[in-house]
């Protein structure tokens, strides 16, 4: 909550203290990671993690296990465009 308050205060005008200015970069990182950009709700911890590694691992394993060039090409196209 303090991080969100600090970022909102910084957007609306000057910060109240020098300490707040030093805390601002960390507060912005916390808000970017933990607060939903549209609704402003705080996200649960398990929802903050990216699925990039698990999804990429599955696609890469499928690309390596296929024996046809067309299958590898199709998986490569999917890999480049799934996000």
N, C-alpha and C. Protein backbone atom coordinates (compact mmCIF):
# COMPACT_ATOMS: atom_id res chain seq x y z
N UNK A 1 0.82 -1.19 0.00
CA UNK A 1 0.00 0.00 0.00
C UNK A 1 0.87 1.26 0.00
N UNK A 2 1.97 1.24 0.75
CA UNK A 2 2.84 2.42 0.78
C UNK A 2 3.44 2.67 -0.59
N UNK A 3 3.81 1.60 -1.29
CA UNK A 3 4.39 1.76 -2.62
C UNK A 3 3.38 2.40 -3.57
N UNK A 4 2.15 1.93 -3.50
CA UNK A 4 1.11 2.49 -4.37
C UNK A 4 0.87 3.96 -4.04
N UNK A 5 0.84 4.29 -2.74
CA UNK A 5 0.65 5.68 -2.33
C UNK A 5 1.80 6.55 -2.82
N UNK A 6 3.02 6.04 -2.70
CA UNK A 6 4.20 6.80 -3.10
C UNK A 6 4.19 7.08 -4.61
N UNK A 7 3.81 6.10 -5.40
CA UNK A 7 3.77 6.30 -6.85
C UNK A 7 2.68 7.30 -7.21
N UNK A 8 1.51 7.20 -6.59
CA UNK A 8 0.42 8.16 -6.86
C UNK A 8 0.82 9.58 -6.45
N UNK A 9 1.51 9.69 -5.32
CA UNK A 9 1.97 11.00 -4.86
C UNK A 9 2.97 11.59 -5.83
N UNK A 10 3.87 10.77 -6.33
CA UNK A 10 4.88 11.25 -7.28
C UNK A 10 4.25 11.68 -8.60
N UNK A 11 3.18 11.00 -9.01
CA UNK A 11 2.51 11.38 -10.26
C UNK A 11 1.75 12.70 -10.13
N UNK A 12 1.29 13.00 -8.92
CA UNK A 12 0.48 14.21 -8.74
C UNK A 12 1.28 15.45 -8.38
N UNK A 13 2.54 15.29 -8.00
CA UNK A 13 3.33 16.46 -7.64
C UNK A 13 4.62 16.08 -6.97
N UNK A 14 5.26 17.04 -6.32
CA UNK A 14 6.55 16.75 -5.67
C UNK A 14 6.38 15.83 -4.46
N UNK A 15 7.40 15.05 -4.22
CA UNK A 15 7.37 14.12 -3.09
C UNK A 15 7.64 14.86 -1.78
N UNK A 16 7.11 14.33 -0.66
CA UNK A 16 7.23 15.04 0.61
C UNK A 16 8.64 15.06 1.21
N UNK A 17 9.49 14.11 0.85
CA UNK A 17 10.81 14.10 1.48
C UNK A 17 11.85 13.50 0.53
N UNK A 18 13.10 13.69 0.90
CA UNK A 18 14.22 13.13 0.12
C UNK A 18 14.22 11.61 0.21
N UNK A 19 13.84 11.08 1.37
CA UNK A 19 13.77 9.63 1.55
C UNK A 19 12.74 9.03 0.59
N UNK A 20 11.62 9.71 0.40
CA UNK A 20 10.60 9.23 -0.52
C UNK A 20 11.13 9.21 -1.95
N UNK A 21 11.96 10.18 -2.31
CA UNK A 21 12.56 10.19 -3.65
C UNK A 21 13.48 9.00 -3.85
N UNK A 22 14.22 8.62 -2.81
CA UNK A 22 15.10 7.45 -2.91
C UNK A 22 14.30 6.15 -2.99
N UNK A 23 13.13 6.11 -2.36
CA UNK A 23 12.29 4.91 -2.36
C UNK A 23 11.45 4.77 -3.64
N UNK A 24 11.33 5.83 -4.41
CA UNK A 24 10.43 5.83 -5.56
C UNK A 24 10.74 4.76 -6.61
N UNK A 25 11.99 4.54 -7.05
CA UNK A 25 12.23 3.50 -8.05
C UNK A 25 11.78 2.11 -7.58
N UNK A 26 12.07 1.78 -6.33
CA UNK A 26 11.64 0.48 -5.79
C UNK A 26 10.11 0.40 -5.70
N UNK A 27 9.49 1.50 -5.31
CA UNK A 27 8.02 1.53 -5.22
C UNK A 27 7.39 1.33 -6.59
N UNK A 28 7.96 1.95 -7.62
CA UNK A 28 7.43 1.76 -8.98
C UNK A 28 7.56 0.32 -9.43
N UNK A 29 8.67 -0.33 -9.09
CA UNK A 29 8.86 -1.74 -9.44
C UNK A 29 7.84 -2.61 -8.73
N UNK A 30 7.59 -2.34 -7.46
CA UNK A 30 6.61 -3.12 -6.70
C UNK A 30 5.22 -2.95 -7.30
N UNK A 31 4.85 -1.72 -7.61
CA UNK A 31 3.53 -1.47 -8.18
C UNK A 31 3.40 -2.13 -9.55
N UNK A 32 4.44 -2.08 -10.36
CA UNK A 32 4.39 -2.70 -11.68
C UNK A 32 4.25 -4.22 -11.58
N UNK A 33 4.85 -4.82 -10.55
CA UNK A 33 4.80 -6.27 -10.39
C UNK A 33 3.55 -6.75 -9.68
N UNK A 34 3.01 -5.99 -8.75
CA UNK A 34 1.98 -6.52 -7.85
C UNK A 34 0.59 -5.93 -8.05
N UNK A 35 0.44 -4.87 -8.83
CA UNK A 35 -0.85 -4.21 -8.98
C UNK A 35 -1.33 -4.34 -10.42
N UNK A 36 -2.59 -4.77 -10.58
CA UNK A 36 -3.16 -4.91 -11.92
C UNK A 36 -3.26 -3.53 -12.57
N UNK A 37 -2.77 -3.38 -13.81
CA UNK A 37 -2.71 -2.04 -14.41
C UNK A 37 -4.07 -1.43 -14.72
N UNK A 38 -5.09 -2.22 -14.93
CA UNK A 38 -6.40 -1.68 -15.29
C UNK A 38 -7.29 -1.49 -14.06
N UNK A 39 -7.41 -2.52 -13.24
CA UNK A 39 -8.33 -2.47 -12.10
C UNK A 39 -7.70 -1.87 -10.85
N UNK A 40 -6.37 -1.94 -10.72
CA UNK A 40 -5.70 -1.43 -9.54
C UNK A 40 -5.72 -2.41 -8.37
N UNK A 41 -6.24 -3.61 -8.59
CA UNK A 41 -6.26 -4.63 -7.54
C UNK A 41 -4.87 -5.21 -7.33
N UNK A 42 -4.59 -5.61 -6.10
CA UNK A 42 -3.33 -6.28 -5.81
C UNK A 42 -3.46 -7.74 -6.23
N UNK A 43 -2.50 -8.20 -7.04
CA UNK A 43 -2.54 -9.55 -7.56
C UNK A 43 -1.98 -10.54 -6.54
N UNK A 44 -2.60 -11.73 -6.44
CA UNK A 44 -2.01 -12.76 -5.57
C UNK A 44 -0.62 -13.16 -6.09
N UNK A 45 0.22 -13.62 -5.21
CA UNK A 45 1.61 -13.93 -5.57
C UNK A 45 1.70 -14.94 -6.70
N UNK A 46 0.89 -16.00 -6.67
CA UNK A 46 1.00 -17.01 -7.71
C UNK A 46 0.57 -16.51 -9.08
N UNK A 47 -0.18 -15.43 -9.15
CA UNK A 47 -0.60 -14.87 -10.44
C UNK A 47 0.45 -13.94 -11.04
N UNK A 48 1.46 -13.59 -10.28
CA UNK A 48 2.47 -12.65 -10.75
C UNK A 48 3.57 -13.33 -11.56
N UNK A 49 3.64 -14.63 -11.51
CA UNK A 49 4.71 -15.35 -12.18
C UNK A 49 4.41 -15.52 -13.66
N UNK A 50 5.44 -15.47 -14.43
CA UNK A 50 5.31 -15.61 -15.87
C UNK A 50 5.24 -17.08 -16.27
N UNK A 51 4.53 -17.35 -17.34
CA UNK A 51 4.47 -18.72 -17.86
C UNK A 51 5.43 -18.92 -19.02
N UNK A 52 6.29 -17.98 -19.26
CA UNK A 52 7.20 -18.06 -20.40
C UNK A 52 8.05 -19.32 -20.37
N UNK A 53 8.69 -19.60 -19.27
CA UNK A 53 9.58 -20.75 -19.20
C UNK A 53 8.83 -22.07 -19.37
N UNK A 54 7.75 -22.33 -18.63
CA UNK A 54 7.06 -23.61 -18.84
C UNK A 54 6.52 -23.79 -20.26
N UNK A 55 5.94 -22.74 -20.82
CA UNK A 55 5.38 -22.85 -22.17
C UNK A 55 6.50 -23.04 -23.19
N UNK A 56 7.57 -22.26 -23.07
CA UNK A 56 8.68 -22.40 -24.00
C UNK A 56 9.33 -23.78 -23.89
N UNK A 57 9.42 -24.32 -22.70
CA UNK A 57 10.01 -25.65 -22.53
C UNK A 57 9.17 -26.71 -23.24
N UNK A 58 7.87 -26.62 -23.12
CA UNK A 58 7.00 -27.59 -23.80
C UNK A 58 7.12 -27.49 -25.32
N UNK A 59 7.12 -26.27 -25.82
CA UNK A 59 7.21 -26.08 -27.27
C UNK A 59 8.58 -26.53 -27.78
N UNK A 60 9.64 -26.20 -27.07
CA UNK A 60 10.98 -26.61 -27.49
C UNK A 60 11.12 -28.13 -27.47
N UNK A 61 10.56 -28.79 -26.46
CA UNK A 61 10.60 -30.25 -26.41
C UNK A 61 9.83 -30.85 -27.58
N UNK A 62 8.70 -30.28 -27.90
CA UNK A 62 7.92 -30.77 -29.04
C UNK A 62 8.67 -30.56 -30.35
N UNK A 63 9.35 -29.42 -30.49
CA UNK A 63 10.12 -29.16 -31.71
C UNK A 63 11.27 -30.15 -31.85
N UNK A 64 11.90 -30.51 -30.74
CA UNK A 64 13.01 -31.46 -30.80
C UNK A 64 12.55 -32.89 -31.02
N UNK A 65 11.34 -33.21 -30.58
CA UNK A 65 10.89 -34.60 -30.69
C UNK A 65 10.20 -34.91 -32.01
N UNK A 66 9.79 -33.92 -32.75
CA UNK A 66 9.14 -34.19 -34.03
C UNK A 66 10.17 -34.61 -35.08
N UNK A 67 9.74 -35.48 -35.97
CA UNK A 67 10.68 -36.00 -36.98
C UNK A 67 10.47 -35.36 -38.35
N UNK A 68 9.43 -34.57 -38.51
CA UNK A 68 9.19 -33.97 -39.82
C UNK A 68 9.55 -32.49 -39.82
N UNK A 69 9.97 -32.04 -40.97
CA UNK A 69 10.33 -30.63 -41.12
C UNK A 69 9.09 -29.76 -41.02
N UNK A 70 7.98 -30.21 -41.58
CA UNK A 70 6.76 -29.41 -41.52
C UNK A 70 6.25 -29.29 -40.09
N UNK A 71 6.38 -30.35 -39.29
CA UNK A 71 5.98 -30.27 -37.88
C UNK A 71 6.84 -29.30 -37.11
N UNK A 72 8.14 -29.35 -37.35
CA UNK A 72 9.06 -28.41 -36.69
C UNK A 72 8.76 -26.98 -37.11
N UNK A 73 8.48 -26.78 -38.40
CA UNK A 73 8.17 -25.44 -38.91
C UNK A 73 6.87 -24.92 -38.29
N UNK A 74 5.86 -25.79 -38.19
CA UNK A 74 4.58 -25.37 -37.61
C UNK A 74 4.76 -25.00 -36.13
N UNK A 75 5.52 -25.81 -35.40
CA UNK A 75 5.78 -25.50 -34.00
C UNK A 75 6.60 -24.22 -33.85
N UNK A 76 7.52 -23.99 -34.78
CA UNK A 76 8.32 -22.76 -34.74
C UNK A 76 7.42 -21.54 -34.95
N UNK A 77 6.51 -21.62 -35.89
CA UNK A 77 5.58 -20.51 -36.13
C UNK A 77 4.74 -20.27 -34.88
N UNK A 78 4.25 -21.35 -34.27
CA UNK A 78 3.47 -21.21 -33.03
C UNK A 78 4.31 -20.59 -31.92
N UNK A 79 5.54 -21.04 -31.81
CA UNK A 79 6.47 -20.53 -30.79
C UNK A 79 6.68 -19.03 -30.95
N UNK A 80 6.77 -18.57 -32.18
CA UNK A 80 7.03 -17.15 -32.42
C UNK A 80 5.78 -16.29 -32.25
N UNK A 81 4.59 -16.90 -32.23
CA UNK A 81 3.39 -16.09 -32.24
C UNK A 81 2.41 -16.37 -31.11
N UNK A 82 2.71 -17.23 -30.15
CA UNK A 82 1.72 -17.58 -29.14
C UNK A 82 1.46 -16.48 -28.13
N UNK A 83 2.39 -15.59 -27.93
CA UNK A 83 2.22 -14.58 -26.88
C UNK A 83 1.31 -13.46 -27.27
